[in-house]
Amino acid sequence: MTGSANTGDDPADGWFPESVAAGYDDPGGANAPEIVTPAVDVLEDLADGPVLEFAVGTGRIAAPLAARGVPVSGIELSRAMAARIAGKPGGDAVEVVLGDMTTTRLAGQFSLVYLVFNTISNVTTQEGQVDVFRNAAAHLRPGGLFLVELGVPDLRRLPPGQDTVPFAVEPGGGYVGFDQYDVVTQRFTSNHVTVSPDGTGRFRRIPFRYAWPAELDLMARIAGMSLKYRWADWNRSEFTADSTKHVSVWEKDPNR
């Protein structure tokens, strides 16, 4: 488990302490160029002035976006994650504020606020997720855009009586990942089991709350925004019933 005294983790960093941040930028996965570049392309295209990333993390997206000349600010809860941004190309241009994306306010107005990689699910109540939308709207200038990247809940794979869906099994048994759902509360846990070659194991369990696209549209409406785009991926493919995730963009009412 993470968060023990032996890791040097700071409890204030929540689910992303030093022991997680240290390996967050490992090559491959979400850090692969074929994942990062299309996202940065879309964000650069949507930006029409300063942008703000909620849960900016280690600057996986913010730093390359800033390297293209887009003025980027970020809000991040974990000091351990945020400390790694400046070391990336473009990262020294990212203004980072430590805080909670549901409440922390930055000065000024932004053309675009964005929240990627399923991170709105880290907010585990509906009220908190609504607060994310409200905080995004409060940062946007009239007509500004709020973008969220989020997976579609994998409930179609749940037969009656089952609550668990595996999403990753490495050959040889080095890693197993599975989600466990509560369809009443819309909460779920993402479970990660890693076994090293010497046989020692590590188990990490993170709580989330899933939300359907239509539910997010209602949250946006509560915050004074309406849906402008919904794509199945960063390539702007059509969103369908078989899409496993969506990239949605809402526009703040130009009159607010």
Protein backbone atom coordinates (compact mmCIF):
# COMPACT_ATOMS: atom_id res chain seq x y z
CA MET A 1 0.00 0.00 0.00
CA THR A 2 1.13 3.55 -0.61
CA GLY A 3 1.22 6.28 1.96
CA SER A 4 3.34 4.56 4.62
CA ALA A 5 5.97 6.40 6.62
CA ASN A 6 8.73 4.35 4.91
CA THR A 7 7.99 5.84 1.48
CA GLY A 8 8.46 9.46 2.49
CA ASP A 9 4.92 10.19 1.33
CA ASP A 10 3.08 13.30 2.47
CA PRO A 11 -0.57 12.51 3.42
CA ALA A 12 -1.53 15.93 2.05
CA ASP A 13 -0.74 14.62 -1.44
CA GLY A 14 -3.73 12.26 -1.26
CA TRP A 15 -3.74 9.37 -3.73
CA PHE A 16 -0.71 10.74 -5.62
CA PRO A 17 2.14 10.94 -3.12
CA GLU A 18 5.88 10.77 -3.82
CA SER A 19 5.85 6.97 -4.19
CA VAL A 20 3.35 7.31 -7.06
CA ALA A 21 4.74 10.52 -8.56
CA ALA A 22 8.21 8.96 -8.84
CA GLY A 23 7.00 6.51 -11.48
CA TYR A 24 4.17 8.50 -13.02
CA ASP A 25 6.26 9.70 -15.96
CA ASP A 26 7.61 6.27 -16.89
CA PRO A 27 7.67 5.83 -20.68
CA GLY A 28 4.71 4.21 -22.40
CA GLY A 29 1.07 4.11 -21.42
CA ALA A 30 -0.48 7.54 -20.95
CA ASN A 31 2.93 9.16 -21.56
CA ALA A 32 3.44 7.67 -25.01
CA PRO A 33 3.73 10.27 -27.80
CA GLU A 34 0.81 8.69 -29.68
CA ILE A 35 -1.36 9.42 -26.61
CA VAL A 36 -0.03 12.84 -25.64
CA THR A 37 0.38 14.47 -29.06
CA PRO A 38 -3.25 14.16 -30.29
CA ALA A 39 -4.50 15.58 -26.98
CA VAL A 40 -2.14 18.54 -27.18
CA ASP A 41 -3.13 19.10 -30.82
CA VAL A 42 -6.82 19.38 -29.89
CA LEU A 43 -6.18 21.62 -26.89
CA GLU A 44 -3.95 23.94 -28.92
CA ASP A 45 -6.66 24.16 -31.56
CA LEU A 46 -9.38 24.99 -29.02
CA ALA A 47 -7.29 27.53 -27.10
CA ASP A 48 -7.87 31.16 -27.96
CA GLY A 49 -5.90 32.74 -25.14
CA PRO A 50 -4.74 31.53 -21.71
CA VAL A 51 -5.78 28.00 -20.64
CA LEU A 52 -6.11 26.28 -17.28
CA GLU A 53 -5.64 22.59 -16.52
CA PHE A 54 -7.45 21.13 -13.51
CA ALA A 55 -5.39 18.37 -11.83
CA VAL A 56 -2.34 19.25 -13.89
CA GLY A 57 -0.33 16.41 -12.34
CA THR A 58 3.28 16.19 -13.53
CA GLY A 59 2.57 18.32 -16.59
CA ARG A 60 2.12 15.38 -18.96
CA ILE A 61 -0.16 17.57 -21.13
CA ALA A 62 0.46 21.09 -19.80
CA ALA A 63 4.21 21.17 -20.45
CA PRO A 64 4.10 20.22 -24.16
CA LEU A 65 1.14 22.56 -24.64
CA ALA A 66 3.11 25.41 -23.06
CA ALA A 67 6.10 24.49 -25.22
CA ARG A 68 3.94 25.35 -28.24
CA GLY A 69 3.49 28.87 -26.92
CA VAL A 70 0.06 28.50 -25.28
CA PRO A 71 -0.12 30.30 -21.89
CA VAL A 72 -0.91 27.47 -19.45
CA SER A 73 -1.78 27.52 -15.75
CA GLY A 74 -2.59 24.53 -13.59
CA ILE A 75 -4.21 23.54 -10.31
CA GLU A 76 -2.82 20.44 -8.59
CA LEU A 77 -3.54 18.90 -5.18
CA SER A 78 -0.34 16.85 -4.92
CA ARG A 79 2.88 18.71 -4.21
CA ALA A 80 4.87 15.61 -5.24
CA MET A 81 3.25 15.57 -8.68
CA ALA A 82 3.46 19.34 -9.25
CA ALA A 83 7.16 19.41 -8.34
CA ARG A 84 7.97 17.52 -11.56
CA ILE A 85 6.41 19.97 -14.00
CA ALA A 86 9.25 22.49 -14.19
CA GLY A 87 11.74 19.81 -15.25
CA LYS A 88 9.89 19.07 -18.50
CA PRO A 89 10.41 20.99 -21.76
CA GLY A 90 7.94 23.87 -21.54
CA GLY A 91 7.19 23.12 -17.90
CA ASP A 92 8.95 26.18 -16.53
CA ALA A 93 6.34 28.31 -18.32
CA VAL A 94 3.41 26.60 -16.55
CA GLU A 95 2.06 28.56 -13.59
CA VAL A 96 1.03 26.00 -10.97
CA VAL A 97 -1.11 26.61 -7.90
CA LEU A 98 -1.47 23.93 -5.23
CA GLY A 99 -5.11 23.38 -4.39
CA ASP A 100 -8.36 21.51 -4.92
CA MET A 101 -9.95 21.81 -8.36
CA THR A 102 -13.42 21.99 -6.81
CA THR A 103 -12.69 25.24 -4.96
CA THR A 104 -9.31 26.81 -5.80
CA ARG A 105 -9.58 30.03 -7.82
CA LEU A 106 -6.94 31.69 -9.96
CA ALA A 107 -7.00 35.31 -11.01
CA GLY A 108 -8.01 36.21 -14.53
CA GLN A 109 -10.20 34.61 -17.17
CA PHE A 110 -9.34 31.71 -19.46
CA SER A 111 -10.36 30.72 -22.97
CA LEU A 112 -10.23 27.02 -22.09
CA VAL A 113 -10.29 24.92 -18.93
CA TYR A 114 -9.56 21.22 -19.36
CA LEU A 115 -9.53 18.06 -17.24
CA VAL A 116 -8.12 14.90 -18.82
CA PHE A 117 -7.40 11.21 -18.21
CA ASN A 118 -10.60 10.38 -16.24
CA THR A 119 -9.57 12.68 -13.41
CA ILE A 120 -13.04 14.06 -12.72
CA SER A 121 -13.80 10.56 -11.38
CA ASN A 122 -11.29 11.20 -8.58
CA VAL A 123 -14.01 13.46 -7.15
CA THR A 124 -16.16 10.80 -5.50
CA THR A 125 -19.47 12.63 -4.97
CA GLN A 126 -21.95 14.07 -7.44
CA GLU A 127 -21.93 17.35 -5.51
CA GLY A 128 -18.16 17.55 -5.82
CA GLN A 129 -18.28 16.89 -9.55
CA VAL A 130 -20.86 19.66 -9.96
CA ASP A 131 -18.46 21.92 -8.07
CA VAL A 132 -15.76 21.09 -10.63
CA PHE A 133 -18.05 22.32 -13.40
CA ARG A 134 -18.98 25.43 -11.46
CA ASN A 135 -15.33 26.21 -10.76
CA ALA A 136 -14.46 25.71 -14.42
CA ALA A 137 -17.24 28.10 -15.47
CA ALA A 138 -16.07 30.66 -12.92
CA HIS A 139 -12.62 30.66 -14.57
CA LEU A 140 -13.91 30.95 -18.12
CA ARG A 141 -14.53 34.13 -20.03
CA PRO A 142 -17.95 34.33 -21.73
CA GLY A 143 -17.96 31.85 -24.61
CA GLY A 144 -15.00 29.96 -23.11
CA LEU A 145 -14.74 26.16 -23.28
CA PHE A 146 -14.50 23.39 -20.68
CA LEU A 147 -13.12 20.04 -21.89
CA VAL A 148 -13.30 16.72 -20.04
CA GLU A 149 -11.81 13.38 -21.12
CA LEU A 150 -13.58 10.48 -19.39
CA GLY A 151 -14.12 6.76 -19.85
CA VAL A 152 -17.61 5.38 -20.37
CA PRO A 153 -18.56 3.10 -17.44
CA ASP A 154 -17.85 -0.51 -18.40
CA LEU A 155 -21.12 -1.81 -16.97
CA ARG A 156 -22.15 -3.62 -20.16
CA ARG A 157 -19.58 -6.27 -19.22
CA LEU A 158 -21.22 -6.96 -15.85
CA PRO A 159 -23.52 -10.01 -15.83
CA PRO A 160 -26.16 -10.19 -13.05
CA GLY A 161 -24.54 -10.60 -9.66
CA GLN A 162 -21.03 -9.58 -10.78
CA ASP A 163 -19.41 -6.31 -9.69
CA THR A 164 -15.84 -6.65 -10.98
CA VAL A 165 -14.32 -6.02 -14.42
CA PRO A 166 -10.61 -6.72 -15.13
CA PHE A 167 -8.95 -4.14 -17.37
CA ALA A 168 -5.33 -5.33 -17.46
CA VAL A 169 -3.51 -8.65 -17.00
CA GLU A 170 0.18 -8.72 -17.84
CA PRO A 171 1.68 -11.90 -19.33
CA GLY A 172 3.52 -13.76 -16.61
CA GLY A 173 1.35 -12.33 -13.85
CA GLY A 174 3.42 -9.24 -13.04
CA TYR A 175 0.41 -6.94 -12.94
CA VAL A 176 -3.35 -7.28 -12.66
CA GLY A 177 -5.81 -4.37 -12.70
CA PHE A 178 -9.55 -4.57 -12.08
CA ASP A 179 -12.43 -2.20 -11.32
CA GLN A 180 -15.09 -3.01 -8.73
CA TYR A 181 -18.42 -1.20 -9.19
CA ASP A 182 -21.27 -0.19 -6.91
CA VAL A 183 -24.08 0.54 -9.36
CA VAL A 184 -26.27 2.04 -6.62
CA THR A 185 -23.89 4.83 -5.57
CA GLN A 186 -22.00 5.06 -8.92
CA ARG A 187 -18.80 4.65 -6.97
CA PHE A 188 -16.11 2.20 -7.95
CA THR A 189 -12.60 1.30 -6.95
CA SER A 190 -9.68 0.77 -9.28
CA ASN A 191 -7.47 -2.01 -7.93
CA HIS A 192 -3.85 -2.55 -8.93
CA VAL A 193 -1.87 -5.64 -7.95
CA THR A 194 1.82 -5.71 -8.87
CA VAL A 195 4.15 -8.65 -8.19
CA SER A 196 7.89 -8.14 -8.62
CA PRO A 197 10.26 -10.89 -9.86
CA ASP A 198 11.35 -11.65 -6.29
CA GLY A 199 7.75 -12.46 -5.36
CA THR A 200 7.00 -9.37 -3.30
CA GLY A 201 3.68 -7.71 -4.01
CA ARG A 202 2.07 -4.29 -3.89
CA PHE A 203 -1.64 -3.54 -3.80
CA ARG A 204 -3.08 -0.11 -4.51
CA ARG A 205 -6.79 0.71 -4.35
CA ILE A 206 -8.18 4.08 -5.46
CA PRO A 207 -11.81 5.25 -5.09
CA PHE A 208 -13.67 6.91 -7.98
CA ARG A 209 -17.17 7.92 -9.02
CA TYR A 210 -18.36 7.31 -12.55
CA ALA A 211 -20.75 9.59 -14.41
CA TRP A 212 -22.58 9.14 -17.69
CA PRO A 213 -22.18 11.68 -20.52
CA ALA A 214 -25.79 12.85 -20.08
CA GLU A 215 -25.16 13.41 -16.37
CA LEU A 216 -22.15 15.57 -17.19
CA ASP A 217 -24.28 17.56 -19.63
CA LEU A 218 -26.67 18.34 -16.77
CA MET A 219 -23.77 19.37 -14.53
CA ALA A 220 -22.63 21.70 -17.29
CA ARG A 221 -26.11 23.20 -17.59
CA ILE A 222 -26.19 23.81 -13.82
CA ALA A 223 -22.91 25.73 -14.25
CA GLY A 224 -24.19 27.81 -17.17
CA MET A 225 -22.61 25.80 -20.00
CA SER A 226 -23.94 23.74 -22.90
CA LEU A 227 -22.48 20.92 -24.98
CA LYS A 228 -20.53 22.04 -28.05
CA TYR A 229 -18.61 18.89 -29.06
CA ARG A 230 -18.50 15.23 -28.05
CA TRP A 231 -15.93 12.92 -29.62
CA ALA A 232 -14.96 9.31 -28.99
CA ASP A 233 -11.26 10.17 -28.77
CA TRP A 234 -8.65 12.86 -29.38
CA ASN A 235 -8.85 12.18 -33.11
CA ARG A 236 -12.39 13.63 -32.97
CA SER A 237 -13.98 10.35 -34.04
CA GLU A 238 -17.75 10.05 -33.79
CA PHE A 239 -19.06 9.13 -30.34
CA THR A 240 -21.25 6.01 -30.55
CA ALA A 241 -22.91 3.45 -28.29
CA ASP A 242 -19.75 1.35 -28.55
CA SER A 243 -17.31 4.12 -27.59
CA THR A 244 -15.25 3.32 -24.51
CA LYS A 245 -14.55 6.94 -23.66
CA HIS A 246 -15.47 10.47 -24.69
CA VAL A 247 -13.84 13.85 -25.04
CA SER A 248 -16.58 16.39 -24.35
CA VAL A 249 -16.46 20.17 -24.70
CA TRP A 250 -19.00 22.56 -23.20
CA GLU A 251 -19.30 26.27 -23.95
CA LYS A 252 -19.98 28.89 -21.31
CA ASP A 253 -23.00 31.04 -22.08
CA PRO A 254 -21.60 34.05 -23.98
CA ASN A 255 -23.94 36.27 -21.97
CA ARG A 256 -22.62 35.16 -18.55
